[in-house]
Amino acid sequence: MKTTLKTLKPRNPFVAASLRRMAGSHRSGTSAQRQSQQRALRHELQHLKHSP
């Protein structure tokens, strides 16, 4: 009796490359957005403090 093995589905060659370079959405994360908003607020408050 001969046994036959099922061939595995071929792997997607782009997955390994995308995981290595951290592929994903092209927008900044929530922490980066929060930090930039805090900087903008600090900048605006500085200008309000120094205006006559």
PDB file of N, CA and C in Angstrom:
ATOM      1  N   MET A   1       0.841  -1.177   0.000  1.00  0.00           N
ATOM      2  CA  MET A   1       0.000   0.000   0.000  1.00  0.00           C
ATOM      3  C   MET A   1       0.892   1.248   0.000  1.00  0.00           C
ATOM      4  N   LYS A   2       0.635   2.115  -0.912  1.00  0.00           N
ATOM      5  CA  LYS A   2       1.425   3.333  -1.076  1.00  0.00           C
ATOM      6  C   LYS A   2       0.674   4.516  -0.474  1.00  0.00           C
ATOM      7  N   THR A   3       1.383   5.312   0.329  1.00  0.00           N
ATOM      8  CA  THR A   3       0.744   6.494   0.896  1.00  0.00           C
ATOM      9  C   THR A   3       1.123   7.715   0.071  1.00  0.00           C
ATOM     10  N   THR A   4       0.167   8.564  -0.119  1.00  0.00           N
ATOM     11  CA  THR A   4       0.427   9.798  -0.852  1.00  0.00           C
ATOM     12  C   THR A   4       0.198  10.963   0.088  1.00  0.00           C
ATOM     13  N   LEU A   5       1.087  11.920   0.023  1.00  0.00           N
ATOM     14  CA  LEU A   5       0.965  13.113   0.840  1.00  0.00           C
ATOM     15  C   LEU A   5       0.359  14.229   0.013  1.00  0.00           C
ATOM     16  N   LYS A   6      -0.514  14.958   0.640  1.00  0.00           N
ATOM     17  CA  LYS A   6      -1.110  16.104  -0.024  1.00  0.00           C
ATOM     18  C   LYS A   6      -0.069  17.208  -0.128  1.00  0.00           C
ATOM     19  N   THR A   7       0.024  17.844  -1.259  1.00  0.00           N
ATOM     20  CA  THR A   7       0.968  18.948  -1.385  1.00  0.00           C
ATOM     21  C   THR A   7       0.384  20.171  -0.693  1.00  0.00           C
ATOM     22  N   LEU A   8       1.256  20.914  -0.035  1.00  0.00           N
ATOM     23  CA  LEU A   8       0.817  22.105   0.672  1.00  0.00           C
ATOM     24  C   LEU A   8       0.579  23.242  -0.307  1.00  0.00           C
ATOM     25  N   LYS A   9      -0.295  24.117   0.091  1.00  0.00           N
ATOM     26  CA  LYS A   9      -0.583  25.294  -0.711  1.00  0.00           C
ATOM     27  C   LYS A   9       0.680  26.160  -0.755  1.00  0.00           C
ATOM     28  N   PRO A  10       1.085  26.662  -1.908  1.00  0.00           N
ATOM     29  CA  PRO A  10       2.306  27.480  -1.973  1.00  0.00           C
ATOM     30  C   PRO A  10       2.147  28.765  -1.174  1.00  0.00           C
ATOM     31  N   ARG A  11       3.219  29.163  -0.533  1.00  0.00           N
ATOM     32  CA  ARG A  11       3.184  30.370   0.284  1.00  0.00           C
ATOM     33  C   ARG A  11       3.252  31.622  -0.589  1.00  0.00           C
ATOM     34  N   ASN A  12       2.662  32.663  -0.097  1.00  0.00           N
ATOM     35  CA  ASN A  12       2.684  33.942  -0.789  1.00  0.00           C
ATOM     36  C   ASN A  12       4.058  34.576  -0.546  1.00  0.00           C
ATOM     37  N   PRO A  13       4.844  34.820  -1.589  1.00  0.00           N
ATOM     38  CA  PRO A  13       6.193  35.354  -1.384  1.00  0.00           C
ATOM     39  C   PRO A  13       6.209  36.801  -0.885  1.00  0.00           C
ATOM     40  N   PHE A  14       5.118  37.515  -1.011  1.00  0.00           N
ATOM     41  CA  PHE A  14       5.079  38.917  -0.596  1.00  0.00           C
ATOM     42  C   PHE A  14       4.841  39.076   0.904  1.00  0.00           C
ATOM     43  N   VAL A  15       4.317  38.057   1.549  1.00  0.00           N
ATOM     44  CA  VAL A  15       3.994  38.162   2.969  1.00  0.00           C
ATOM     45  C   VAL A  15       5.254  38.329   3.808  1.00  0.00           C
ATOM     46  N   ALA A  16       6.266  37.507   3.559  1.00  0.00           N
ATOM     47  CA  ALA A  16       7.491  37.578   4.354  1.00  0.00           C
ATOM     48  C   ALA A  16       8.146  38.945   4.202  1.00  0.00           C
ATOM     49  N   ALA A  17       8.183  39.462   2.987  1.00  0.00           N
ATOM     50  CA  ALA A  17       8.789  40.774   2.752  1.00  0.00           C
ATOM     51  C   ALA A  17       7.991  41.872   3.439  1.00  0.00           C
ATOM     52  N   SER A  18       6.674  41.776   3.387  1.00  0.00           N
ATOM     53  CA  SER A  18       5.859  42.827   4.002  1.00  0.00           C
ATOM     54  C   SER A  18       5.969  42.796   5.518  1.00  0.00           C
ATOM     55  N   LEU A  19       6.083  41.615   6.102  1.00  0.00           N
ATOM     56  CA  LEU A  19       6.246  41.535   7.554  1.00  0.00           C
ATOM     57  C   LEU A  19       7.594  42.083   7.982  1.00  0.00           C
ATOM     58  N   ARG A  20       8.601  41.853   7.165  1.00  0.00           N
ATOM     59  CA  ARG A  20       9.951  42.305   7.504  1.00  0.00           C
ATOM     60  C   ARG A  20      10.048  43.827   7.494  1.00  0.00           C
ATOM     61  N   ARG A  21       9.340  44.475   6.584  1.00  0.00           N
ATOM     62  CA  ARG A  21       9.434  45.939   6.504  1.00  0.00           C
ATOM     63  C   ARG A  21       8.248  46.615   7.175  1.00  0.00           C
ATOM     64  N   MET A  22       7.515  45.876   7.964  1.00  0.00           N
ATOM     65  CA  MET A  22       6.385  46.408   8.724  1.00  0.00           C
ATOM     66  C   MET A  22       5.394  47.145   7.813  1.00  0.00           C
ATOM     67  N   ALA A  23       4.942  46.470   6.792  1.00  0.00           N
ATOM     68  CA  ALA A  23       3.989  47.072   5.862  1.00  0.00           C
ATOM     69  C   ALA A  23       2.656  47.293   6.566  1.00  0.00           C
ATOM     70  N   GLY A  24       1.935  48.276   6.138  1.00  0.00           N
ATOM     71  CA  GLY A  24       0.637  48.558   6.730  1.00  0.00           C
ATOM     72  C   GLY A  24       0.084  49.852   6.189  1.00  0.00           C
ATOM     73  N   SER A  25      -0.795  50.437   6.940  1.00  0.00           N
ATOM     74  CA  SER A  25      -1.404  51.680   6.486  1.00  0.00           C
ATOM     75  C   SER A  25      -0.354  52.782   6.467  1.00  0.00           C
ATOM     76  N   HIS A  26      -0.588  53.780   5.658  1.00  0.00           N
ATOM     77  CA  HIS A  26       0.397  54.841   5.458  1.00  0.00           C
ATOM     78  C   HIS A  26       0.144  56.051   6.343  1.00  0.00           C
ATOM     79  N   ARG A  27      -0.686  55.899   7.349  1.00  0.00           N
ATOM     80  CA  ARG A  27      -0.909  57.031   8.246  1.00  0.00           C
ATOM     81  C   ARG A  27      -0.209  56.759   9.570  1.00  0.00           C
ATOM     82  N   SER A  28       0.048  57.811  10.292  1.00  0.00           N
ATOM     83  CA  SER A  28       0.770  57.665  11.544  1.00  0.00           C
ATOM     84  C   SER A  28      -0.142  57.068  12.599  1.00  0.00           C
ATOM     85  N   GLY A  29       0.439  56.453  13.592  1.00  0.00           N
ATOM     86  CA  GLY A  29      -0.314  55.811  14.650  1.00  0.00           C
ATOM     87  C   GLY A  29      -0.973  56.800  15.573  1.00  0.00           C
ATOM     88  N   THR A  30      -1.767  56.284  16.485  1.00  0.00           N
ATOM     89  CA  THR A  30      -2.523  57.160  17.375  1.00  0.00           C
ATOM     90  C   THR A  30      -1.603  57.908  18.326  1.00  0.00           C
ATOM     91  N   SER A  31      -0.534  57.261  18.781  1.00  0.00           N
ATOM     92  CA  SER A  31       0.368  57.949  19.712  1.00  0.00           C
ATOM     93  C   SER A  31       1.100  59.088  19.005  1.00  0.00           C
ATOM     94  N   ALA A  32       1.474  58.897  17.758  1.00  0.00           N
ATOM     95  CA  ALA A  32       2.147  59.963  17.008  1.00  0.00           C
ATOM     96  C   ALA A  32       1.194  61.136  16.772  1.00  0.00           C
ATOM     97  N   GLN A  33      -0.057  60.829  16.486  1.00  0.00           N
ATOM     98  CA  GLN A  33      -1.042  61.898  16.296  1.00  0.00           C
ATOM     99  C   GLN A  33      -1.258  62.667  17.595  1.00  0.00           C
ATOM    100  N   ARG A  34      -1.342  61.945  18.708  1.00  0.00           N
ATOM    101  CA  ARG A  34      -1.548  62.597  19.995  1.00  0.00           C
ATOM    102  C   ARG A  34      -0.368  63.494  20.350  1.00  0.00           C
ATOM    103  N   GLN A  35       0.859  63.019  20.090  1.00  0.00           N
ATOM    104  CA  GLN A  35       2.043  63.825  20.381  1.00  0.00           C
ATOM    105  C   GLN A  35       2.074  65.085  19.524  1.00  0.00           C
ATOM    106  N   SER A  36       1.731  64.958  18.252  1.00  0.00           N
ATOM    107  CA  SER A  36       1.753  66.140  17.385  1.00  0.00           C
ATOM    108  C   SER A  36       0.674  67.138  17.800  1.00  0.00           C
ATOM    109  N   GLN A  37      -0.475  66.647  18.263  1.00  0.00           N
ATOM    110  CA  GLN A  37      -1.517  67.552  18.745  1.00  0.00           C
ATOM    111  C   GLN A  37      -1.073  68.264  20.018  1.00  0.00           C
ATOM    112  N   GLN A  38      -0.375  67.549  20.898  1.00  0.00           N
ATOM    113  CA  GLN A  38       0.137  68.181  22.108  1.00  0.00           C
ATOM    114  C   GLN A  38       1.167  69.249  21.778  1.00  0.00           C
ATOM    115  N   ARG A  39       2.035  68.992  20.822  1.00  0.00           N
ATOM    116  CA  ARG A  39       3.023  69.987  20.402  1.00  0.00           C
ATOM    117  C   ARG A  39       2.343  71.210  19.825  1.00  0.00           C
ATOM    118  N   ALA A  40       1.322  70.991  18.997  1.00  0.00           N
ATOM    119  CA  ALA A  40       0.607  72.113  18.385  1.00  0.00           C
ATOM    120  C   ALA A  40      -0.088  72.953  19.452  1.00  0.00           C
ATOM    121  N   LEU A  41      -0.674  72.290  20.437  1.00  0.00           N
ATOM    122  CA  LEU A  41      -1.340  73.028  21.513  1.00  0.00           C
ATOM    123  C   LEU A  41      -0.335  73.834  22.320  1.00  0.00           C
ATOM    124  N   ARG A  42       0.800  73.224  22.653  1.00  0.00           N
ATOM    125  CA  ARG A  42       1.837  73.930  23.408  1.00  0.00           C
ATOM    126  C   ARG A  42       2.328  75.144  22.627  1.00  0.00           C
ATOM    127  N   HIS A  43       2.514  74.970  21.317  1.00  0.00           N
ATOM    128  CA  HIS A  43       2.973  76.053  20.446  1.00  0.00           C
ATOM    129  C   HIS A  43       1.951  77.185  20.430  1.00  0.00           C
ATOM    130  N   GLU A  44       0.683  76.825  20.327  1.00  0.00           N
ATOM    131  CA  GLU A  44      -0.378  77.833  20.294  1.00  0.00           C
ATOM    132  C   GLU A  44      -0.468  78.578  21.627  1.00  0.00           C
ATOM    133  N   LEU A  45      -0.324  77.855  22.736  1.00  0.00           N
ATOM    134  CA  LEU A  45      -0.380  78.501  24.043  1.00  0.00           C
ATOM    135  C   LEU A  45       0.802  79.445  24.253  1.00  0.00           C
ATOM    136  N   GLN A  46       1.960  79.098  23.739  1.00  0.00           N
ATOM    137  CA  GLN A  46       3.129  79.968  23.821  1.00  0.00           C
ATOM    138  C   GLN A  46       2.864  81.280  23.092  1.00  0.00           C
ATOM    139  N   HIS A  47       2.247  81.184  21.912  1.00  0.00           N
ATOM    140  CA  HIS A  47       1.963  82.388  21.134  1.00  0.00           C
ATOM    141  C   HIS A  47       0.906  83.255  21.837  1.00  0.00           C
ATOM    142  N   LEU A  48      -0.066  82.630  22.481  1.00  0.00           N
ATOM    143  CA  LEU A  48      -1.092  83.386  23.191  1.00  0.00           C
ATOM    144  C   LEU A  48      -0.493  84.088  24.420  1.00  0.00           C
ATOM    145  N   LYS A  49       0.445  83.441  25.056  1.00  0.00           N
ATOM    146  CA  LYS A  49       1.063  84.000  26.253  1.00  0.00           C
ATOM    147  C   LYS A  49       1.886  85.237  25.913  1.00  0.00           C
ATOM    148  N   HIS A  50       2.555  85.232  24.766  1.00  0.00           N
ATOM    149  CA  HIS A  50       3.440  86.332  24.380  1.00  0.00           C
ATOM    150  C   HIS A  50       2.752  87.418  23.569  1.00  0.00           C
ATOM    151  N   SER A  51       1.493  87.223  23.212  1.00  0.00           N
ATOM    152  CA  SER A  51       0.812  88.271  22.434  1.00  0.00           C
ATOM    153  C   SER A  51       0.264  89.334  23.389  1.00  0.00           C
ATOM    154  N   PRO A  52       0.202  90.609  22.955  1.00  0.00           N
ATOM    155  CA  PRO A  52      -0.241  91.702  23.835  1.00  0.00           C
ATOM    156  C   PRO A  52      -1.709  91.680  24.115  1.00  0.00           C
TER     157      PRO A  52
END
